[in-house]
Protein backbone atom coordinates (compact mmCIF):
# COMPACT_ATOMS: atom_id res chain seq x y z
CA MET A 1 26.39 -77.34 70.55
CA VAL A 2 23.18 -78.40 72.28
CA ALA A 3 22.57 -81.79 70.63
CA VAL A 4 23.83 -84.04 67.82
CA SER A 5 22.08 -87.15 66.55
CA GLU A 6 22.03 -89.55 63.65
CA ARG A 7 19.04 -91.51 62.38
CA ARG A 8 18.09 -93.64 59.43
CA SER A 9 15.25 -92.53 57.19
CA GLY A 10 12.27 -94.85 56.90
CA LYS A 11 12.31 -96.99 53.76
CA GLY A 12 15.55 -95.88 52.13
CA GLY A 13 17.76 -96.27 55.17
CA ILE A 14 19.63 -93.06 54.34
CA GLU A 15 21.57 -91.64 57.28
CA VAL A 16 20.23 -88.25 58.38
CA TYR A 17 22.41 -86.12 60.66
CA GLU A 18 20.73 -83.63 62.99
CA PHE A 19 22.26 -80.76 64.97
CA GLU A 20 20.95 -78.25 67.47
CA TYR A 21 23.15 -75.34 68.51
CA LYS A 22 23.07 -71.73 69.68
CA ILE A 23 24.79 -68.74 68.12
CA ASP A 24 25.12 -65.12 69.17
CA SER A 25 24.35 -63.11 66.06
CA SER A 26 25.58 -59.52 65.84
CA ARG A 27 22.33 -58.53 64.10
CA GLY A 28 19.76 -60.63 65.91
CA GLY A 29 21.09 -61.66 69.30
CA MET A 30 20.93 -65.26 70.49
CA LYS A 31 19.49 -67.76 68.03
CA ARG A 32 18.88 -71.47 68.25
CA ILE A 33 19.62 -73.37 65.06
CA PHE A 34 18.16 -76.75 64.14
CA ALA A 35 19.89 -78.37 61.16
CA ALA A 36 19.60 -81.66 59.28
CA ALA A 37 21.66 -83.07 56.42
CA PHE A 38 21.72 -86.16 54.24
CA VAL A 39 23.18 -87.31 50.92
CA SER A 40 21.16 -89.08 48.25
CA SER A 41 22.12 -89.74 44.62
CA ASN A 42 25.34 -87.74 45.10
CA LYS A 43 23.35 -84.66 46.19
CA LEU A 44 23.60 -82.96 49.57
CA TYR A 45 20.26 -81.97 51.14
CA LEU A 46 20.25 -79.43 53.99
CA LEU A 47 17.55 -78.02 56.24
CA ASN A 48 18.27 -75.11 58.59
CA ILE A 49 15.75 -73.66 61.00
CA ALA A 50 16.65 -70.51 62.96
CA HIS A 51 14.67 -69.17 65.91
CA SER A 52 15.32 -66.29 68.33
CA ASP A 53 16.35 -67.59 71.74
CA GLY A 54 17.33 -64.57 73.83
CA LEU A 55 16.96 -64.03 77.56
CA GLU A 56 14.06 -61.63 77.00
CA ASN A 57 12.31 -64.02 74.62
CA PRO A 58 13.43 -67.63 75.23
CA LEU A 59 12.31 -70.48 73.00
CA ALA A 60 9.21 -72.04 74.57
CA PRO A 61 9.26 -75.84 75.04
CA GLU A 62 6.13 -76.25 72.87
CA ARG A 63 7.74 -74.27 70.03
CA ARG A 64 10.98 -76.27 70.36
CA ASN A 65 9.00 -79.52 70.09
CA SER A 66 7.24 -78.23 66.96
CA LEU A 67 10.57 -77.28 65.37
CA LEU A 68 12.03 -80.69 66.24
CA GLU A 69 9.02 -82.35 64.61
CA VAL A 70 9.75 -80.46 61.39
CA LEU A 71 13.43 -81.38 61.66
CA HIS A 72 12.64 -85.08 62.15
CA SER A 73 10.32 -85.07 59.11
CA PHE A 74 13.22 -84.14 56.80
CA ASP A 75 14.24 -87.23 54.83
CA MET A 76 14.08 -88.69 51.35
CA ASP A 77 11.19 -91.07 52.03
CA GLN A 78 8.57 -88.44 52.80
CA HIS A 79 9.42 -85.81 50.21
CA GLN A 80 10.05 -85.54 46.49
CA TYR A 81 12.95 -83.16 45.85
CA ALA A 82 13.54 -81.52 42.50
CA SER A 83 16.46 -82.82 40.45
């Protein structure tokens, strides 16, 4: 586990949980996973972002920041999800 955080979405105040962790995949080597989850109207919403993060090709800081920006944009206030 690299990082865990909790935030409230803008207008709705829904709690959004965010995780960043690394896994060693047997098919793809080291990967960094960015995940977010929240519950709204008895539905669970999940976002998972996977990126290669091996020694030969580490995740660049600029790319990590871009992925975190996408992760932080995931909430009920900014998107309309299908029912």
